[in-house]
């Protein structure tokens, strides 16, 4: 379970990609030096964005690799869950 937290916003997500997309959409609203956006996995801080750094930070040993694998897994699951577009079928006459 992922949780995105910032000033005035707190929401939980089942998927890493949903949490990451939400956090990234909140980045333009992070205008003060004391404000930040955080993503937690259960109660563990794993991702942090603030004005102090140019890019978001992944917190913890091996967390970037773990989240990259999770991202790929979620993309593959989403791809297989969508029905493939029907190609034109040639029927014999």
PDB file of N, CA and C in Angstrom:
ATOM      1  N   UNK A   1       0.841  -1.163   0.000  1.00  0.00           N
ATOM      2  CA  UNK A   1       0.000   0.000   0.000  1.00  0.00           C
ATOM      3  C   UNK A   1       0.894   1.236   0.000  1.00  0.00           C
ATOM      4  N   UNK A   2       0.694   2.089  -0.970  1.00  0.00           N
ATOM      5  CA  UNK A   2       1.469   3.318  -1.098  1.00  0.00           C
ATOM      6  C   UNK A   2       0.624   4.497  -0.629  1.00  0.00           C
ATOM      7  N   UNK A   3       1.290   5.474  -0.066  1.00  0.00           N
ATOM      8  CA  UNK A   3       0.586   6.656   0.443  1.00  0.00           C
ATOM      9  C   UNK A   3       1.347   7.903   0.015  1.00  0.00           C
ATOM     10  N   UNK A   4       0.646   8.842  -0.637  1.00  0.00           N
ATOM     11  CA  UNK A   4       1.232  10.113  -1.057  1.00  0.00           C
ATOM     12  C   UNK A   4       0.773  11.171  -0.068  1.00  0.00           C
ATOM     13  N   UNK A   5       1.755  11.911   0.473  1.00  0.00           N
ATOM     14  CA  UNK A   5       1.458  12.906   1.502  1.00  0.00           C
ATOM     15  C   UNK A   5       2.165  14.210   1.167  1.00  0.00           C
ATOM     16  N   UNK A   6       1.436  15.306   1.243  1.00  0.00           N
ATOM     17  CA  UNK A   6       1.989  16.656   1.173  1.00  0.00           C
ATOM     18  C   UNK A   6       1.028  17.567   1.924  1.00  0.00           C
ATOM     19  N   UNK A   7       1.355  18.838   1.997  1.00  0.00           N
ATOM     20  CA  UNK A   7       0.506  19.792   2.723  1.00  0.00           C
ATOM     21  C   UNK A   7      -0.894  19.811   2.101  1.00  0.00           C
ATOM     22  N   UNK A   8      -1.889  19.417   2.867  1.00  0.00           N
ATOM     23  CA  UNK A   8      -3.271  19.426   2.396  1.00  0.00           C
ATOM     24  C   UNK A   8      -3.655  18.260   1.509  1.00  0.00           C
ATOM     25  N   UNK A   9      -2.815  17.243   1.405  1.00  0.00           N
ATOM     26  CA  UNK A   9      -3.123  16.094   0.555  1.00  0.00           C
ATOM     27  C   UNK A   9      -2.580  14.830   1.200  1.00  0.00           C
ATOM     28  N   UNK A  10      -3.414  13.807   1.254  1.00  0.00           N
ATOM     29  CA  UNK A  10      -3.023  12.513   1.814  1.00  0.00           C
ATOM     30  C   UNK A  10      -3.921  11.456   1.169  1.00  0.00           C
ATOM     31  N   UNK A  11      -3.332  10.601   0.336  1.00  0.00           N
ATOM     32  CA  UNK A  11      -4.125   9.598  -0.367  1.00  0.00           C
ATOM     33  C   UNK A  11      -3.361   8.294  -0.467  1.00  0.00           C
ATOM     34  N   UNK A  12      -4.084   7.178  -0.390  1.00  0.00           N
ATOM     35  CA  UNK A  12      -3.483   5.850  -0.489  1.00  0.00           C
ATOM     36  C   UNK A  12      -3.745   5.249  -1.860  1.00  0.00           C
ATOM     37  N   UNK A  13      -2.784   4.422  -2.314  1.00  0.00           N
ATOM     38  CA  UNK A  13      -2.860   3.780  -3.622  1.00  0.00           C
ATOM     39  C   UNK A  13      -2.427   2.332  -3.495  1.00  0.00           C
ATOM     40  N   UNK A  14      -2.995   1.481  -4.326  1.00  0.00           N
ATOM     41  CA  UNK A  14      -2.609   0.078  -4.385  1.00  0.00           C
ATOM     42  C   UNK A  14      -1.375  -0.110  -5.259  1.00  0.00           C
ATOM     43  N   UNK A  15      -1.256   0.703  -6.314  1.00  0.00           N
ATOM     44  CA  UNK A  15      -0.180   0.523  -7.294  1.00  0.00           C
ATOM     45  C   UNK A  15       0.869   1.623  -7.171  1.00  0.00           C
ATOM     46  N   UNK A  16       2.139   1.249  -7.373  1.00  0.00           N
ATOM     47  CA  UNK A  16       3.246   2.203  -7.338  1.00  0.00           C
ATOM     48  C   UNK A  16       3.093   3.260  -8.429  1.00  0.00           C
ATOM     49  N   UNK A  17       2.696   2.847  -9.638  1.00  0.00           N
ATOM     50  CA  UNK A  17       2.590   3.789 -10.742  1.00  0.00           C
ATOM     51  C   UNK A  17       1.543   4.860 -10.466  1.00  0.00           C
ATOM     52  N   UNK A  18       0.439   4.488  -9.828  1.00  0.00           N
ATOM     53  CA  UNK A  18      -0.589   5.480  -9.495  1.00  0.00           C
ATOM     54  C   UNK A  18      -0.079   6.476  -8.469  1.00  0.00           C
ATOM     55  N   UNK A  19       0.628   5.988  -7.467  1.00  0.00           N
ATOM     56  CA  UNK A  19       1.189   6.867  -6.443  1.00  0.00           C
ATOM     57  C   UNK A  19       2.231   7.797  -7.052  1.00  0.00           C
ATOM     58  N   UNK A  20       3.109   7.264  -7.896  1.00  0.00           N
ATOM     59  CA  UNK A  20       4.155   8.070  -8.518  1.00  0.00           C
ATOM     60  C   UNK A  20       3.563   9.141  -9.434  1.00  0.00           C
ATOM     61  N   UNK A  21       2.581   8.782 -10.247  1.00  0.00           N
ATOM     62  CA  UNK A  21       1.949   9.755 -11.139  1.00  0.00           C
ATOM     63  C   UNK A  21       1.256  10.862 -10.353  1.00  0.00           C
ATOM     64  N   UNK A  22       0.610  10.512  -9.263  1.00  0.00           N
ATOM     65  CA  UNK A  22      -0.041  11.517  -8.427  1.00  0.00           C
ATOM     66  C   UNK A  22       0.987  12.445  -7.798  1.00  0.00           C
ATOM     67  N   UNK A  23       2.059  11.880  -7.266  1.00  0.00           N
ATOM     68  CA  UNK A  23       3.117  12.700  -6.654  1.00  0.00           C
ATOM     69  C   UNK A  23       3.731  13.634  -7.685  1.00  0.00           C
ATOM     70  N   UNK A  24       3.994  13.139  -8.875  1.00  0.00           N
ATOM     71  CA  UNK A  24       4.567  13.981  -9.925  1.00  0.00           C
ATOM     72  C   UNK A  24       3.609  15.095 -10.334  1.00  0.00           C
ATOM     73  N   UNK A  25       2.319  14.824 -10.327  1.00  0.00           N
ATOM     74  CA  UNK A  25       1.350  15.866 -10.686  1.00  0.00           C
ATOM     75  C   UNK A  25       1.271  16.961  -9.621  1.00  0.00           C
ATOM     76  N   UNK A  26       1.675  16.643  -8.397  1.00  0.00           N
ATOM     77  CA  UNK A  26       1.672  17.624  -7.313  1.00  0.00           C
ATOM     78  C   UNK A  26       2.949  18.470  -7.273  1.00  0.00           C
ATOM     79  N   UNK A  27       3.974  18.074  -8.005  1.00  0.00           N
ATOM     80  CA  UNK A  27       5.262  18.774  -7.958  1.00  0.00           C
ATOM     81  C   UNK A  27       5.170  20.269  -8.291  1.00  0.00           C
ATOM     82  N   UNK A  28       4.409  20.691  -9.301  1.00  0.00           N
ATOM     83  CA  UNK A  28       4.323  22.129  -9.584  1.00  0.00           C
ATOM     84  C   UNK A  28       3.719  22.945  -8.433  1.00  0.00           C
ATOM     85  N   UNK A  29       2.931  22.302  -7.588  1.00  0.00           N
ATOM     86  CA  UNK A  29       2.312  22.992  -6.464  1.00  0.00           C
ATOM     87  C   UNK A  29       3.248  23.119  -5.263  1.00  0.00           C
ATOM     88  N   UNK A  30       4.377  22.473  -5.311  1.00  0.00           N
ATOM     89  CA  UNK A  30       5.354  22.494  -4.223  1.00  0.00           C
ATOM     90  C   UNK A  30       6.255  23.716  -4.423  1.00  0.00           C
ATOM     91  N   UNK A  31       5.826  24.870  -3.900  1.00  0.00           N
ATOM     92  CA  UNK A  31       6.513  26.124  -4.182  1.00  0.00           C
ATOM     93  C   UNK A  31       7.355  26.644  -3.026  1.00  0.00           C
ATOM     94  N   UNK A  32       7.054  26.240  -1.808  1.00  0.00           N
ATOM     95  CA  UNK A  32       7.802  26.731  -0.642  1.00  0.00           C
ATOM     96  C   UNK A  32       8.960  25.794  -0.340  1.00  0.00           C
ATOM     97  N   UNK A  33      10.029  26.354   0.206  1.00  0.00           N
ATOM     98  CA  UNK A  33      11.209  25.559   0.556  1.00  0.00           C
ATOM     99  C   UNK A  33      10.914  24.570   1.671  1.00  0.00           C
ATOM    100  N   UNK A  34       9.928  24.856   2.489  1.00  0.00           N
ATOM    101  CA  UNK A  34       9.610  23.965   3.610  1.00  0.00           C
ATOM    102  C   UNK A  34       8.584  22.900   3.245  1.00  0.00           C
ATOM    103  N   UNK A  35       8.021  22.970   2.060  1.00  0.00           N
ATOM    104  CA  UNK A  35       7.010  21.999   1.630  1.00  0.00           C
ATOM    105  C   UNK A  35       7.682  20.863   0.872  1.00  0.00           C
ATOM    106  N   UNK A  36       7.170  19.654   1.043  1.00  0.00           N
ATOM    107  CA  UNK A  36       7.682  18.515   0.294  1.00  0.00           C
ATOM    108  C   UNK A  36       6.545  17.557  -0.030  1.00  0.00           C
ATOM    109  N   UNK A  37       6.853  16.617  -0.911  1.00  0.00           N
ATOM    110  CA  UNK A  37       5.911  15.561  -1.296  1.00  0.00           C
ATOM    111  C   UNK A  37       6.591  14.250  -0.958  1.00  0.00           C
ATOM    112  N   UNK A  38       5.865  13.385  -0.272  1.00  0.00           N
ATOM    113  CA  UNK A  38       6.441  12.116   0.171  1.00  0.00           C
ATOM    114  C   UNK A  38       5.570  10.946  -0.269  1.00  0.00           C
ATOM    115  N   UNK A  39       6.241   9.840  -0.603  1.00  0.00           N
ATOM    116  CA  UNK A  39       5.539   8.583  -0.858  1.00  0.00           C
ATOM    117  C   UNK A  39       6.047   7.578   0.160  1.00  0.00           C
ATOM    118  N   UNK A  40       5.100   6.938   0.819  1.00  0.00           N
ATOM    119  CA  UNK A  40       5.413   5.910   1.807  1.00  0.00           C
ATOM    120  C   UNK A  40       4.957   4.560   1.283  1.00  0.00           C
ATOM    121  N   UNK A  41       5.730   3.539   1.571  1.00  0.00           N
ATOM    122  CA  UNK A  41       5.330   2.155   1.340  1.00  0.00           C
ATOM    123  C   UNK A  41       5.060   1.594   2.722  1.00  0.00           C
ATOM    124  N   UNK A  42       3.804   1.333   3.012  1.00  0.00           N
ATOM    125  CA  UNK A  42       3.349   1.037   4.377  1.00  0.00           C
ATOM    126  C   UNK A  42       3.737   2.245   5.240  1.00  0.00           C
ATOM    127  N   UNK A  43       4.647   2.114   6.174  1.00  0.00           N
ATOM    128  CA  UNK A  43       5.058   3.262   6.992  1.00  0.00           C
ATOM    129  C   UNK A  43       6.482   3.715   6.677  1.00  0.00           C
ATOM    130  N   UNK A  44       7.084   3.184   5.621  1.00  0.00           N
ATOM    131  CA  UNK A  44       8.466   3.485   5.273  1.00  0.00           C
ATOM    132  C   UNK A  44       8.524   4.552   4.172  1.00  0.00           C
ATOM    133  N   UNK A  45       9.250   5.637   4.412  1.00  0.00           N
ATOM    134  CA  UNK A  45       9.446   6.679   3.406  1.00  0.00           C
ATOM    135  C   UNK A  45      10.342   6.128   2.301  1.00  0.00           C
ATOM    136  N   UNK A  46       9.854   6.189   1.039  1.00  0.00           N
ATOM    137  CA  UNK A  46      10.640   5.639  -0.063  1.00  0.00           C
ATOM    138  C   UNK A  46      10.936   6.662  -1.156  1.00  0.00           C
ATOM    139  N   UNK A  47      10.201   7.799  -1.187  1.00  0.00           N
ATOM    140  CA  UNK A  47      10.354   8.785  -2.257  1.00  0.00           C
ATOM    141  C   UNK A  47      10.097  10.155  -1.677  1.00  0.00           C
ATOM    142  N   UNK A  48      10.919  11.136  -2.055  1.00  0.00           N
ATOM    143  CA  UNK A  48      10.798  12.481  -1.504  1.00  0.00           C
ATOM    144  C   UNK A  48      11.123  13.514  -2.564  1.00  0.00           C
ATOM    145  N   UNK A  49      10.272  14.525  -2.689  1.00  0.00           N
ATOM    146  CA  UNK A  49      10.546  15.658  -3.572  1.00  0.00           C
ATOM    147  C   UNK A  49      10.410  16.937  -2.762  1.00  0.00           C
ATOM    148  N   UNK A  50      11.387  17.828  -2.924  1.00  0.00           N
ATOM    149  CA  UNK A  50      11.303  19.160  -2.326  1.00  0.00           C
ATOM    150  C   UNK A  50      12.077  20.126  -3.205  1.00  0.00           C
ATOM    151  N   UNK A  51      11.890  21.416  -2.987  1.00  0.00           N
ATOM    152  CA  UNK A  51      12.540  22.448  -3.795  1.00  0.00           C
ATOM    153  C   UNK A  51      14.059  22.453  -3.613  1.00  0.00           C
ATOM    154  N   UNK A  52      14.536  21.897  -2.528  1.00  0.00           N
ATOM    155  CA  UNK A  52      15.965  21.890  -2.240  1.00  0.00           C
ATOM    156  C   UNK A  52      16.760  21.089  -3.274  1.00  0.00           C
ATOM    157  N   UNK A  53      16.139  20.058  -3.851  1.00  0.00           N
ATOM    158  CA  UNK A  53      16.810  19.186  -4.812  1.00  0.00           C
ATOM    159  C   UNK A  53      16.150  19.304  -6.179  1.00  0.00           C
ATOM    160  N   UNK A  54      16.944  19.157  -7.221  1.00  0.00           N
ATOM    161  CA  UNK A  54      16.429  19.280  -8.581  1.00  0.00           C
ATOM    162  C   UNK A  54      15.535  18.093  -8.950  1.00  0.00           C
ATOM    163  N   UNK A  55      15.895  16.904  -8.451  1.00  0.00           N
ATOM    164  CA  UNK A  55      15.163  15.680  -8.781  1.00  0.00           C
ATOM    165  C   UNK A  55      14.650  15.026  -7.504  1.00  0.00           C
ATOM    166  N   UNK A  56      13.592  14.220  -7.617  1.00  0.00           N
ATOM    167  CA  UNK A  56      13.117  13.465  -6.447  1.00  0.00           C
ATOM    168  C   UNK A  56      14.179  12.493  -5.954  1.00  0.00           C
ATOM    169  N   UNK A  57      14.113  12.173  -4.675  1.00  0.00           N
ATOM    170  CA  UNK A  57      15.079  11.251  -4.071  1.00  0.00           C
ATOM    171  C   UNK A  57      14.377   9.940  -3.724  1.00  0.00           C
ATOM    172  N   UNK A  58      15.049   8.852  -4.007  1.00  0.00           N
ATOM    173  CA  UNK A  58      14.591   7.535  -3.584  1.00  0.00           C
ATOM    174  C   UNK A  58      15.327   7.225  -2.295  1.00  0.00           C
ATOM    175  N   UNK A  59      14.579   6.881  -1.256  1.00  0.00           N
ATOM    176  CA  UNK A  59      15.133   6.716   0.079  1.00  0.00           C
ATOM    177  C   UNK A  59      15.253   5.232   0.412  1.00  0.00           C
ATOM    178  N   UNK A  60      16.450   4.797   0.757  1.00  0.00           N
ATOM    179  CA  UNK A  60      16.645   3.416   1.199  1.00  0.00           C
ATOM    180  C   UNK A  60      17.525   2.626   0.254  1.00  0.00           C
ATOM    181  N   UNK A  61      18.219   1.673   0.823  1.00  0.00           N
ATOM    182  CA  UNK A  61      19.126   0.827   0.048  1.00  0.00           C
ATOM    183  C   UNK A  61      18.329  -0.067  -0.904  1.00  0.00           C
ATOM    184  N   UNK A  62      18.647   0.005  -2.187  1.00  0.00           N
ATOM    185  CA  UNK A  62      18.018  -0.853  -3.182  1.00  0.00           C
ATOM    186  C   UNK A  62      16.587  -0.494  -3.540  1.00  0.00           C
ATOM    187  N   UNK A  63      16.062   0.610  -3.033  1.00  0.00           N
ATOM    188  CA  UNK A  63      14.654   0.942  -3.270  1.00  0.00           C
ATOM    189  C   UNK A  63      14.404   1.305  -4.731  1.00  0.00           C
ATOM    190  N   UNK A  64      15.351   1.989  -5.374  1.00  0.00           N
ATOM    191  CA  UNK A  64      15.159   2.364  -6.774  1.00  0.00           C
ATOM    192  C   UNK A  64      14.997   1.114  -7.641  1.00  0.00           C
ATOM    193  N   UNK A  65      15.869   0.130  -7.455  1.00  0.00           N
ATOM    194  CA  UNK A  65      15.775  -1.111  -8.229  1.00  0.00           C
ATOM    195  C   UNK A  65      14.473  -1.845  -7.940  1.00  0.00           C
ATOM    196  N   UNK A  66      14.093  -1.894  -6.692  1.00  0.00           N
ATOM    197  CA  UNK A  66      12.853  -2.575  -6.291  1.00  0.00           C
ATOM    198  C   UNK A  66      11.639  -1.909  -6.934  1.00  0.00           C
ATOM    199  N   UNK A  67      11.612  -0.576  -6.926  1.00  0.00           N
ATOM    200  CA  UNK A  67      10.483   0.146  -7.507  1.00  0.00           C
ATOM    201  C   UNK A  67      10.486   0.073  -9.030  1.00  0.00           C
ATOM    202  N   UNK A  68      11.667   0.031  -9.631  1.00  0.00           N
ATOM    203  CA  UNK A  68      11.749  -0.128 -11.087  1.00  0.00           C
ATOM    204  C   UNK A  68      11.177  -1.479 -11.508  1.00  0.00           C
ATOM    205  N   UNK A  69      11.486  -2.524 -10.760  1.00  0.00           N
ATOM    206  CA  UNK A  69      10.932  -3.850 -11.054  1.00  0.00           C
ATOM    207  C   UNK A  69       9.419  -3.864 -10.855  1.00  0.00           C
ATOM    208  N   UNK A  70       8.953  -3.196  -9.826  1.00  0.00           N
ATOM    209  CA  UNK A  70       7.517  -3.114  -9.562  1.00  0.00           C
ATOM    210  C   UNK A  70       6.811  -2.349 -10.673  1.00  0.00           C
ATOM    211  N   UNK A  71       7.441  -1.283 -11.149  1.00  0.00           N
ATOM    212  CA  UNK A  71       6.896  -0.492 -12.255  1.00  0.00           C
ATOM    213  C   UNK A  71       6.736  -1.365 -13.498  1.00  0.00           C
ATOM    214  N   UNK A  72       7.769  -2.126 -13.842  1.00  0.00           N
ATOM    215  CA  UNK A  72       7.693  -3.004 -15.006  1.00  0.00           C
ATOM    216  C   UNK A  72       6.621  -4.069 -14.842  1.00  0.00           C
ATOM    217  N   UNK A  73       6.521  -4.630 -13.659  1.00  0.00           N
ATOM    218  CA  UNK A  73       5.506  -5.644 -13.383  1.00  0.00           C
ATOM    219  C   UNK A  73       4.104  -5.056 -13.548  1.00  0.00           C
ATOM    220  N   UNK A  74       3.871  -3.860 -13.028  1.00  0.00           N
ATOM    221  CA  UNK A  74       2.558  -3.229 -13.142  1.00  0.00           C
ATOM    222  C   UNK A  74       2.225  -2.893 -14.588  1.00  0.00           C
ATOM    223  N   UNK A  75       3.223  -2.476 -15.367  1.00  0.00           N
ATOM    224  CA  UNK A  75       2.994  -2.175 -16.780  1.00  0.00           C
ATOM    225  C   UNK A  75       2.638  -3.438 -17.558  1.00  0.00           C
ATOM    226  N   UNK A  76       3.323  -4.543 -17.257  1.00  0.00           N
ATOM    227  CA  UNK A  76       3.014  -5.805 -17.929  1.00  0.00           C
ATOM    228  C   UNK A  76       1.625  -6.299 -17.559  1.00  0.00           C
ATOM    229  N   UNK A  77       1.251  -6.163 -16.290  1.00  0.00           N
ATOM    230  CA  UNK A  77      -0.084  -6.572 -15.855  1.00  0.00           C
ATOM    231  C   UNK A  77      -1.157  -5.732 -16.527  1.00  0.00           C
ATOM    232  N   UNK A  78      -0.917  -4.433 -16.642  1.00  0.00           N
ATOM    233  CA  UNK A  78      -1.892  -3.548 -17.294  1.00  0.00           C
ATOM    234  C   UNK A  78      -2.005  -3.886 -18.775  1.00  0.00           C
ATOM    235  N   UNK A  79      -0.889  -4.237 -19.381  1.00  0.00           N
ATOM    236  CA  UNK A  79      -0.878  -4.585 -20.800  1.00  0.00           C
ATOM    237  C   UNK A  79      -1.634  -5.881 -21.058  1.00  0.00           C
ATOM    238  N   UNK A  80      -1.453  -6.871 -20.200  1.00  0.00           N
ATOM    239  CA  UNK A  80      -2.145  -8.145 -20.397  1.00  0.00           C
ATOM    240  C   UNK A  80      -3.617  -8.062 -20.004  1.00  0.00           C
ATOM    241  N   UNK A  81      -3.973  -7.109 -19.165  1.00  0.00           N
ATOM    242  CA  UNK A  81      -5.369  -6.958 -18.750  1.00  0.00           C
ATOM    243  C   UNK A  81      -6.209  -6.316 -19.846  1.00  0.00           C
ATOM    244  N   UNK A  82      -5.566  -5.535 -20.713  1.00  0.00           N
ATOM    245  CA  UNK A  82      -6.294  -4.896 -21.805  1.00  0.00           C
ATOM    246  C   UNK A  82      -6.454  -5.886 -22.946  1.00  0.00           C
ATOM    247  N   UNK A  83      -7.658  -5.963 -23.516  1.00  0.00           N
ATOM    248  CA  UNK A  83      -7.832  -6.871 -24.652  1.00  0.00           C
ATOM    249  C   UNK A  83      -7.045  -6.354 -25.854  1.00  0.00           C
ATOM    250  N   UNK A  84      -6.441  -7.276 -26.560  1.00  0.00           N
ATOM    251  CA  UNK A  84      -5.670  -6.911 -27.753  1.00  0.00           C
ATOM    252  C   UNK A  84      -6.620  -6.422 -28.829  1.00  0.00           C
ATOM    253  N   UNK A  85      -6.225  -5.389 -29.581  1.00  0.00           N
ATOM    254  CA  UNK A  85      -7.098  -4.926 -30.660  1.00  0.00           C
ATOM    255  C   UNK A  85      -7.252  -6.004 -31.727  1.00  0.00           C
ATOM    256  N   UNK A  86      -8.458  -6.153 -32.203  1.00  0.00           N
ATOM    257  CA  UNK A  86      -8.729  -7.193 -33.188  1.00  0.00           C
ATOM    258  C   UNK A  86      -8.125  -6.793 -34.513  1.00  0.00           C
ATOM    259  N   UNK A  87      -7.342  -7.673 -35.055  1.00  0.00           N
ATOM    260  CA  UNK A  87      -6.796  -7.404 -36.390  1.00  0.00           C
ATOM    261  C   UNK A  87      -7.848  -7.792 -37.423  1.00  0.00           C
ATOM    262  N   UNK A  88      -7.667  -7.272 -38.580  1.00  0.00           N
ATOM    263  CA  UNK A  88      -8.662  -7.595 -39.622  1.00  0.00           C
ATOM    264  C   UNK A  88      -8.587  -9.083 -39.930  1.00  0.00           C
ATOM    265  N   UNK A  89      -9.720  -9.708 -39.861  1.00  0.00           N
ATOM    266  CA  UNK A  89      -9.784 -11.162 -40.071  1.00  0.00           C
ATOM    267  C   UNK A  89     -10.168 -11.433 -41.509  1.00  0.00           C
ATOM    268  N   UNK A  90      -9.415 -12.307 -42.119  1.00  0.00           N
ATOM    269  CA  UNK A  90      -9.723 -12.712 -43.500  1.00  0.00           C
ATOM    270  C   UNK A  90     -10.553 -13.987 -43.443  1.00  0.00           C
ATOM    271  N   UNK A  91     -11.727 -13.897 -43.966  1.00  0.00           N
ATOM    272  CA  UNK A  91     -12.578 -15.079 -43.989  1.00  0.00           C
ATOM    273  C   UNK A  91     -12.509 -15.696 -45.376  1.00  0.00           C
ATOM    274  N   UNK A  92     -12.368 -17.004 -45.436  1.00  0.00           N
ATOM    275  CA  UNK A  92     -12.345 -17.660 -46.760  1.00  0.00           C
ATOM    276  C   UNK A  92     -13.690 -17.547 -47.439  1.00  0.00           C
ATOM    277  N   UNK A  93     -13.669 -17.402 -48.733  1.00  0.00           N
ATOM    278  CA  UNK A  93     -14.922 -17.248 -49.491  1.00  0.00           C
ATOM    279  C   UNK A  93     -15.252 -18.475 -50.262  1.00  0.00           C
TER     280      UNK A  93
END
